[in-house]
Amino acid sequence: MTVDVPLVPSTAPAGFPVPAGLFSFKSSVLVPADVAAGLSASVVDGAKSDDFSTSFGSLVAKAPVVWGTRTDNPDTTATLSGSGANAAFNLPAAGTYTVAMPKQFTLIPTKSGTALPFSAPCTTTAPATIATITLSKQASVTKVKAVKKIKHGAVEKAKIKVTSDYSKTGGPVPTGKVTIKDGKKTIGKGKLKNGKVTIKVKSLSVGTHNLVVKYAGDSFTNKSKSKKLKVVVTK
């Protein structure tokens, strides 16, 4: 089997939502003479693989292939020609990965595009390396909303939201810890759920407080901090 390997970029954002069909490729399968004789063109004129894939480290991205053209060669072998393309998937967390062909896949013979009731499991002990790709963390934006004027003893509810470059278009939503700072003092902590968290802040002293929310980042997303939020506590 041969694959016309698509060009894979050397760098990309971690968690980037790759749309279906972005990486298309051509492929051919050489059928040995004895097999080709047994599976004549009147019986088998193509093939497909629904579980063909490409791996990014441990992440497996499906790339189904259809071989729809059969050519009988002079040496009595046969060549099945076709093409495939990736299904939609998200790139993994930040890091450097080897992009490789699949370790195993299933070849299903077809007749006029219809799958026949038998298949051939295909394996390789050394999947071919396609490329190496380095994924960098996405930038994040941290925002906070809260009451800007409260009475002493009241509970301040800080509503925090963290977004990243692709979290609104199918990429991973930021996870991890956020901390509320009043100057150098930590006055609240929490963990994001679906990119959001509400933290209750108690016992703010009378006076003006400049609150800043700090997001610690995760394996897909860089850390960030909010703009200062001025909160006035009255008697």
C-alpha atoms as a PDB file:
ATOM      1  CA  MET A   1       0.000   0.000   0.000  1.00  0.00           C
ATOM      2  CA  THR A   2       1.222   3.505  -0.804  1.00  0.00           C
ATOM      3  CA  VAL A   3      -0.053   6.892   0.343  1.00  0.00           C
ATOM      4  CA  ASP A   4       0.600  10.292  -1.207  1.00  0.00           C
ATOM      5  CA  VAL A   5       1.245  11.957   2.159  1.00  0.00           C
ATOM      6  CA  PRO A   6      -0.427  15.373   2.608  1.00  0.00           C
ATOM      7  CA  LEU A   7       1.684  18.303   3.754  1.00  0.00           C
ATOM      8  CA  VAL A   8       1.474  18.624   7.540  1.00  0.00           C
ATOM      9  CA  PRO A   9       2.519  22.002   9.058  1.00  0.00           C
ATOM     10  CA  SER A  10       5.507  21.953  11.419  1.00  0.00           C
ATOM     11  CA  THR A  11       3.683  24.034  14.054  1.00  0.00           C
ATOM     12  CA  ALA A  12       0.068  24.553  15.081  1.00  0.00           C
ATOM     13  CA  PRO A  13      -2.031  25.593  18.110  1.00  0.00           C
ATOM     14  CA  ALA A  14      -2.723  22.897  20.706  1.00  0.00           C
ATOM     15  CA  GLY A  15      -6.328  21.726  20.567  1.00  0.00           C
ATOM     16  CA  PHE A  16      -6.911  23.290  17.153  1.00  0.00           C
ATOM     17  CA  PRO A  17     -10.208  21.974  15.686  1.00  0.00           C
ATOM     18  CA  VAL A  18      -9.205  20.382  12.381  1.00  0.00           C
ATOM     19  CA  PRO A  19     -12.202  20.294  10.000  1.00  0.00           C
ATOM     20  CA  ALA A  20     -13.076  17.185   8.029  1.00  0.00           C
ATOM     21  CA  GLY A  21     -11.338  16.993   4.665  1.00  0.00           C
ATOM     22  CA  LEU A  22      -8.531  19.432   5.447  1.00  0.00           C
ATOM     23  CA  PHE A  23      -5.903  16.764   4.698  1.00  0.00           C
ATOM     24  CA  SER A  24      -6.791  14.772   1.588  1.00  0.00           C
ATOM     25  CA  PHE A  25      -4.494  12.210  -0.007  1.00  0.00           C
ATOM     26  CA  LYS A  26      -4.223   9.686  -2.820  1.00  0.00           C
ATOM     27  CA  SER A  27      -3.504   6.021  -2.175  1.00  0.00           C
ATOM     28  CA  SER A  28      -3.008   2.720  -4.014  1.00  0.00           C
ATOM     29  CA  VAL A  29      -2.960  -0.920  -2.985  1.00  0.00           C
ATOM     30  CA  LEU A  30      -0.911  -3.509  -4.898  1.00  0.00           C
ATOM     31  CA  VAL A  31      -2.712  -6.866  -4.880  1.00  0.00           C
ATOM     32  CA  PRO A  32      -0.359  -9.888  -5.294  1.00  0.00           C
ATOM     33  CA  ALA A  33      -0.846 -12.037  -8.404  1.00  0.00           C
ATOM     34  CA  ASP A  34      -2.274 -15.072  -6.580  1.00  0.00           C
ATOM     35  CA  VAL A  35      -4.778 -12.926  -4.674  1.00  0.00           C
ATOM     36  CA  ALA A  36      -5.663 -10.896  -7.771  1.00  0.00           C
ATOM     37  CA  ALA A  37      -6.409 -14.114  -9.650  1.00  0.00           C
ATOM     38  CA  GLY A  38      -8.718 -15.313  -6.917  1.00  0.00           C
ATOM     39  CA  LEU A  39     -10.388 -11.922  -6.619  1.00  0.00           C
ATOM     40  CA  SER A  40     -10.921 -11.131 -10.285  1.00  0.00           C
ATOM     41  CA  ALA A  41     -12.354  -7.836 -11.464  1.00  0.00           C
ATOM     42  CA  SER A  42     -15.729  -9.523 -11.812  1.00  0.00           C
ATOM     43  CA  VAL A  43     -15.667 -10.206  -8.081  1.00  0.00           C
ATOM     44  CA  VAL A  44     -13.661  -7.312  -6.595  1.00  0.00           C
ATOM     45  CA  ASP A  45     -13.104  -3.981  -8.345  1.00  0.00           C
ATOM     46  CA  GLY A  46     -12.239  -1.813  -5.339  1.00  0.00           C
ATOM     47  CA  ALA A  47     -11.806  -1.616  -1.586  1.00  0.00           C
ATOM     48  CA  LYS A  48     -12.199   0.656   1.387  1.00  0.00           C
ATOM     49  CA  SER A  49     -10.951   1.160   4.941  1.00  0.00           C
ATOM     50  CA  ASP A  50     -13.248   2.852   7.432  1.00  0.00           C
ATOM     51  CA  ASP A  51     -10.713   2.701  10.274  1.00  0.00           C
ATOM     52  CA  PHE A  52      -7.646   3.964   8.421  1.00  0.00           C
ATOM     53  CA  SER A  53      -6.048   6.730  10.506  1.00  0.00           C
ATOM     54  CA  THR A  54      -3.119   8.958  11.300  1.00  0.00           C
ATOM     55  CA  SER A  55      -1.643   9.245  14.785  1.00  0.00           C
ATOM     56  CA  PHE A  56      -0.386  12.339  16.589  1.00  0.00           C
ATOM     57  CA  GLY A  57       1.443  10.628  19.433  1.00  0.00           C
ATOM     58  CA  SER A  58      -1.307   8.669  21.206  1.00  0.00           C
ATOM     59  CA  LEU A  59      -4.109  10.616  19.497  1.00  0.00           C
ATOM     60  CA  VAL A  60      -5.668   8.710  16.579  1.00  0.00           C
ATOM     61  CA  ALA A  61      -7.298  10.803  13.842  1.00  0.00           C
ATOM     62  CA  LYS A  62      -9.504   8.799  11.478  1.00  0.00           C
ATOM     63  CA  ALA A  63      -8.921   9.175   7.740  1.00  0.00           C
ATOM     64  CA  PRO A  64     -11.219   6.768   5.830  1.00  0.00           C
ATOM     65  CA  VAL A  65     -10.009   5.662   2.370  1.00  0.00           C
ATOM     66  CA  VAL A  66     -11.890   4.423  -0.687  1.00  0.00           C
ATOM     67  CA  TRP A  67     -10.023   2.650  -3.503  1.00  0.00           C
ATOM     68  CA  GLY A  68     -12.542   2.806  -6.347  1.00  0.00           C
ATOM     69  CA  THR A  69     -10.459   1.942  -9.409  1.00  0.00           C
ATOM     70  CA  ARG A  70      -8.918  -1.447 -10.238  1.00  0.00           C
ATOM     71  CA  THR A  71      -6.162  -1.871 -12.815  1.00  0.00           C
ATOM     72  CA  ASP A  72      -4.980  -5.354 -13.818  1.00  0.00           C
ATOM     73  CA  ASN A  73      -1.229  -5.200 -14.462  1.00  0.00           C
ATOM     74  CA  PRO A  74       0.784  -7.145 -17.111  1.00  0.00           C
ATOM     75  CA  ASP A  75       2.540  -9.152 -14.370  1.00  0.00           C
ATOM     76  CA  THR A  76      -0.905 -10.424 -13.228  1.00  0.00           C
ATOM     77  CA  THR A  77      -0.901  -8.274 -10.106  1.00  0.00           C
ATOM     78  CA  ALA A  78      -3.668  -5.714  -9.661  1.00  0.00           C
ATOM     79  CA  THR A  79      -3.604  -2.130  -8.420  1.00  0.00           C
ATOM     80  CA  LEU A  80      -6.480  -0.533  -6.517  1.00  0.00           C
ATOM     81  CA  SER A  81      -6.385   3.268  -6.668  1.00  0.00           C
ATOM     82  CA  GLY A  82      -8.329   5.832  -4.658  1.00  0.00           C
ATOM     83  CA  SER A  83      -8.201   8.585  -2.114  1.00  0.00           C
ATOM     84  CA  GLY A  84      -9.022   9.486   1.485  1.00  0.00           C
ATOM     85  CA  ALA A  85      -9.365  12.430   3.816  1.00  0.00           C
ATOM     86  CA  ASN A  86      -9.384  13.101   7.538  1.00  0.00           C
ATOM     87  CA  ALA A  87     -12.494  13.124   9.675  1.00  0.00           C
ATOM     88  CA  ALA A  88     -12.903  16.120  11.992  1.00  0.00           C
ATOM     89  CA  PHE A  89     -10.707  16.018  15.099  1.00  0.00           C
ATOM     90  CA  ASN A  90      -8.910  18.252  17.608  1.00  0.00           C
ATOM     91  CA  LEU A  91      -5.135  18.390  17.863  1.00  0.00           C
ATOM     92  CA  PRO A  92      -3.717  17.184  21.210  1.00  0.00           C
ATOM     93  CA  ALA A  93      -2.194  19.196  24.076  1.00  0.00           C
ATOM     94  CA  ALA A  94       0.927  21.331  23.739  1.00  0.00           C
ATOM     95  CA  GLY A  95       4.113  19.426  22.908  1.00  0.00           C
ATOM     96  CA  THR A  96       6.040  17.897  20.019  1.00  0.00           C
ATOM     97  CA  TYR A  97       4.540  14.857  18.288  1.00  0.00           C
ATOM     98  CA  THR A  98       5.467  12.361  15.614  1.00  0.00           C
ATOM     99  CA  VAL A  99       2.751  12.103  12.968  1.00  0.00           C
ATOM    100  CA  ALA A 100       2.610   8.514  11.700  1.00  0.00           C
ATOM    101  CA  MET A 101       0.622   6.107   9.569  1.00  0.00           C
ATOM    102  CA  PRO A 102      -1.638   3.629  11.388  1.00  0.00           C
ATOM    103  CA  LYS A 103      -0.290   0.547  13.152  1.00  0.00           C
ATOM    104  CA  GLN A 104      -3.302  -1.409  11.947  1.00  0.00           C
ATOM    105  CA  PHE A 105      -6.406  -0.999   9.812  1.00  0.00           C
ATOM    106  CA  THR A 106      -9.024  -3.148   8.073  1.00  0.00           C
ATOM    107  CA  LEU A 107      -9.172  -3.531   4.296  1.00  0.00           C
ATOM    108  CA  ILE A 108     -12.678  -4.281   2.983  1.00  0.00           C
ATOM    109  CA  PRO A 109     -13.044  -5.403  -0.680  1.00  0.00           C
ATOM    110  CA  THR A 110     -15.875  -3.804  -2.660  1.00  0.00           C
ATOM    111  CA  LYS A 111     -17.822  -4.470  -5.836  1.00  0.00           C
ATOM    112  CA  SER A 112     -19.276  -1.396  -7.568  1.00  0.00           C
ATOM    113  CA  GLY A 113     -18.799   0.495  -4.305  1.00  0.00           C
ATOM    114  CA  THR A 114     -20.656  -2.064  -2.174  1.00  0.00           C
ATOM    115  CA  ALA A 115     -18.743  -3.725   0.666  1.00  0.00           C
ATOM    116  CA  LEU A 116     -18.328  -7.488   0.347  1.00  0.00           C
ATOM    117  CA  PRO A 117     -18.848  -9.794   3.369  1.00  0.00           C
ATOM    118  CA  PHE A 118     -15.167 -10.400   4.113  1.00  0.00           C
ATOM    119  CA  SER A 119     -12.175  -8.278   5.087  1.00  0.00           C
ATOM    120  CA  ALA A 120      -8.418  -8.368   5.622  1.00  0.00           C
ATOM    121  CA  PRO A 121      -6.782  -7.077   8.818  1.00  0.00           C
ATOM    122  CA  CYS A 122      -3.610  -5.144   7.961  1.00  0.00           C
ATOM    123  CA  THR A 123      -0.770  -4.459  10.397  1.00  0.00           C
ATOM    124  CA  THR A 124       2.725  -3.029  10.376  1.00  0.00           C
ATOM    125  CA  THR A 125       5.421  -3.217  13.029  1.00  0.00           C
ATOM    126  CA  ALA A 126       6.939   0.115  12.019  1.00  0.00           C
ATOM    127  CA  PRO A 127       4.329   2.714  10.984  1.00  0.00           C
ATOM    128  CA  ALA A 128       5.862   5.229   8.570  1.00  0.00           C
ATOM    129  CA  THR A 129       6.559   8.654  10.009  1.00  0.00           C
ATOM    130  CA  ILE A 130       4.793  11.407   8.067  1.00  0.00           C
ATOM    131  CA  ALA A 131       6.089  14.461   9.903  1.00  0.00           C
ATOM    132  CA  THR A 132       6.881  16.032  13.248  1.00  0.00           C
ATOM    133  CA  ILE A 133       4.617  18.772  14.580  1.00  0.00           C
ATOM    134  CA  THR A 134       5.058  21.127  17.539  1.00  0.00           C
ATOM    135  CA  LEU A 135       1.875  22.372  19.198  1.00  0.00           C
ATOM    136  CA  SER A 136       1.937  25.566  21.249  1.00  0.00           C
ATOM    137  CA  LYS A 137      -0.548  26.675  23.892  1.00  0.00           C
ATOM    138  CA  GLN A 138      -3.346  29.012  22.858  1.00  0.00           C
ATOM    139  CA  ALA A 139      -3.614  32.524  24.264  1.00  0.00           C
ATOM    140  CA  SER A 140      -6.354  33.058  26.837  1.00  0.00           C
ATOM    141  CA  VAL A 141      -8.501  35.977  27.981  1.00  0.00           C
ATOM    142  CA  THR A 142      -9.726  36.201  31.581  1.00  0.00           C
ATOM    143  CA  LYS A 143     -12.678  38.411  32.450  1.00  0.00           C
ATOM    144  CA  VAL A 144     -14.391  39.107  35.767  1.00  0.00           C
ATOM    145  CA  LYS A 145     -17.710  40.722  36.675  1.00  0.00           C
ATOM    146  CA  ALA A 146     -18.759  41.744  40.176  1.00  0.00           C
ATOM    147  CA  VAL A 147     -20.647  44.417  42.085  1.00  0.00           C
ATOM    148  CA  LYS A 148     -18.413  47.491  42.174  1.00  0.00           C
ATOM    149  CA  LYS A 149     -19.899  48.981  45.355  1.00  0.00           C
ATOM    150  CA  ILE A 150     -20.982  46.931  48.371  1.00  0.00           C
ATOM    151  CA  LYS A 151     -21.500  47.390  52.073  1.00  0.00           C
ATOM    152  CA  HIS A 152     -19.055  46.060  54.614  1.00  0.00           C
ATOM    153  CA  GLY A 153     -19.962  42.488  55.569  1.00  0.00           C
ATOM    154  CA  ALA A 154     -21.721  41.752  52.295  1.00  0.00           C
ATOM    155  CA  VAL A 155     -20.622  38.850  50.131  1.00  0.00           C
ATOM    156  CA  GLU A 156     -19.086  39.757  46.803  1.00  0.00           C
ATOM    157  CA  LYS A 157     -19.769  37.287  43.979  1.00  0.00           C
ATOM    158  CA  ALA A 158     -17.088  37.403  41.309  1.00  0.00           C
ATOM    159  CA  LYS A 159     -18.221  35.829  38.037  1.00  0.00           C
ATOM    160  CA  ILE A 160     -15.164  34.698  36.077  1.00  0.00           C
ATOM    161  CA  LYS A 161     -14.943  33.549  32.463  1.00  0.00           C
ATOM    162  CA  VAL A 162     -11.861  32.357  30.577  1.00  0.00           C
ATOM    163  CA  THR A 163     -11.771  31.896  26.797  1.00  0.00           C
ATOM    164  CA  SER A 164      -9.017  30.846  24.401  1.00  0.00           C
ATOM    165  CA  ASP A 165      -8.311  31.390  20.711  1.00  0.00           C
ATOM    166  CA  TYR A 166     -10.450  28.464  19.530  1.00  0.00           C
ATOM    167  CA  SER A 167     -12.726  27.665  22.482  1.00  0.00           C
ATOM    168  CA  LYS A 168     -15.678  29.287  20.680  1.00  0.00           C
ATOM    169  CA  THR A 169     -15.099  27.405  17.416  1.00  0.00           C
ATOM    170  CA  GLY A 170     -14.815  23.797  18.568  1.00  0.00           C
ATOM    171  CA  GLY A 171     -11.493  23.824  20.420  1.00  0.00           C
ATOM    172  CA  PRO A 172     -11.110  22.754  24.058  1.00  0.00           C
ATOM    173  CA  VAL A 173     -12.617  25.057  26.679  1.00  0.00           C
ATOM    174  CA  PRO A 174     -10.054  26.291  29.253  1.00  0.00           C
ATOM    175  CA  THR A 175      -9.838  24.311  32.486  1.00  0.00           C
ATOM    176  CA  GLY A 176      -7.829  24.716  35.661  1.00  0.00           C
ATOM    177  CA  LYS A 177      -7.463  27.061  38.614  1.00  0.00           C
ATOM    178  CA  VAL A 178      -8.222  30.753  39.023  1.00  0.00           C
ATOM    179  CA  THR A 179      -7.179  32.977  41.905  1.00  0.00           C
ATOM    180  CA  ILE A 180      -8.526  36.374  42.997  1.00  0.00           C
ATOM    181  CA  LYS A 181      -5.882  38.781  44.254  1.00  0.00           C
ATOM    182  CA  ASP A 182      -6.373  41.970  46.262  1.00  0.00           C
ATOM    183  CA  GLY A 183      -2.922  43.408  45.782  1.00  0.00           C
ATOM    184  CA  LYS A 184      -0.593  40.626  46.936  1.00  0.00           C
ATOM    185  CA  LYS A 185      -3.262  39.011  49.111  1.00  0.00           C
ATOM    186  CA  THR A 186      -5.205  35.991  47.843  1.00  0.00           C
ATOM    187  CA  ILE A 187      -8.886  36.437  48.697  1.00  0.00           C
ATOM    188  CA  GLY A 188     -10.489  33.679  46.626  1.00  0.00           C
ATOM    189  CA  LYS A 189      -9.800  30.507  44.641  1.00  0.00           C
ATOM    190  CA  GLY A 190     -11.771  28.295  42.309  1.00  0.00           C
ATOM    191  CA  LYS A 191     -11.722  25.842  39.395  1.00  0.00           C
ATOM    192  CA  LEU A 192     -13.198  26.452  35.980  1.00  0.00           C
ATOM    193  CA  LYS A 193     -16.147  24.400  34.759  1.00  0.00           C
ATOM    194  CA  ASN A 194     -16.991  24.918  31.097  1.00  0.00           C
ATOM    195  CA  GLY A 195     -14.651  27.898  31.225  1.00  0.00           C
ATOM    196  CA  LYS A 196     -16.560  29.622  34.031  1.00  0.00           C
ATOM    197  CA  VAL A 197     -16.626  29.858  37.824  1.00  0.00           C
ATOM    198  CA  THR A 198     -18.266  32.069  40.452  1.00  0.00           C
ATOM    199  CA  ILE A 199     -16.219  32.774  43.577  1.00  0.00           C
ATOM    200  CA  LYS A 200     -17.676  34.274  46.750  1.00  0.00           C
ATOM    201  CA  VAL A 201     -15.462  36.834  48.475  1.00  0.00           C
ATOM    202  CA  LYS A 202     -16.168  37.660  52.117  1.00  0.00           C
ATOM    203  CA  SER A 203     -14.855  40.124  54.693  1.00  0.00           C
ATOM    204  CA  LEU A 204     -13.504  42.829  52.429  1.00  0.00           C
ATOM    205  CA  SER A 205     -12.452  45.750  54.598  1.00  0.00           C
ATOM    206  CA  VAL A 206     -13.931  49.232  54.224  1.00  0.00           C
ATOM    207  CA  GLY A 207     -12.195  51.125  51.447  1.00  0.00           C
ATOM    208  CA  THR A 208     -11.177  50.670  47.807  1.00  0.00           C
ATOM    209  CA  HIS A 209      -9.939  47.320  46.513  1.00  0.00           C
ATOM    210  CA  ASN A 210      -8.369  46.610  43.128  1.00  0.00           C
ATOM    211  CA  LEU A 211      -9.136  42.970  42.400  1.00  0.00           C
ATOM    212  CA  VAL A 212      -7.323  40.945  39.752  1.00  0.00           C
ATOM    213  CA  VAL A 213      -8.174  37.401  38.663  1.00  0.00           C
ATOM    214  CA  LYS A 214      -5.261  35.185  37.638  1.00  0.00           C
ATOM    215  CA  TYR A 215      -5.782  32.086  35.502  1.00  0.00           C
ATOM    216  CA  ALA A 216      -3.073  29.412  35.861  1.00  0.00           C
ATOM    217  CA  GLY A 217      -3.497  27.861  32.383  1.00  0.00           C
ATOM    218  CA  ASP A 218      -3.771  24.199  31.362  1.00  0.00           C
ATOM    219  CA  SER A 219      -2.175  21.814  28.863  1.00  0.00           C
ATOM    220  CA  PHE A 220      -3.854  23.585  25.931  1.00  0.00           C
ATOM    221  CA  THR A 221      -4.027  27.162  27.167  1.00  0.00           C
ATOM    222  CA  ASN A 222      -1.596  29.801  28.404  1.00  0.00           C
ATOM    223  CA  LYS A 223      -2.121  31.613  31.691  1.00  0.00           C
ATOM    224  CA  SER A 224      -3.604  35.116  31.782  1.00  0.00           C
ATOM    225  CA  LYS A 225      -5.020  37.697  34.156  1.00  0.00           C
ATOM    226  CA  SER A 226      -7.980  40.019  34.126  1.00  0.00           C
ATOM    227  CA  LYS A 227      -8.020  43.785  34.113  1.00  0.00           C
ATOM    228  CA  LYS A 228      -8.220  45.401  37.551  1.00  0.00           C
ATOM    229  CA  LEU A 229     -11.713  45.493  38.991  1.00  0.00           C
ATOM    230  CA  LYS A 230     -12.244  48.430  41.363  1.00  0.00           C
ATOM    231  CA  VAL A 231     -14.548  47.523  44.249  1.00  0.00           C
ATOM    232  CA  VAL A 232     -15.532  50.091  46.893  1.00  0.00           C
ATOM    233  CA  VAL A 233     -16.633  48.785  50.305  1.00  0.00           C
ATOM    234  CA  THR A 234     -18.692  51.215  52.399  1.00  0.00           C
ATOM    235  CA  LYS A 235     -19.680  51.180  56.055  1.00  0.00           C
END
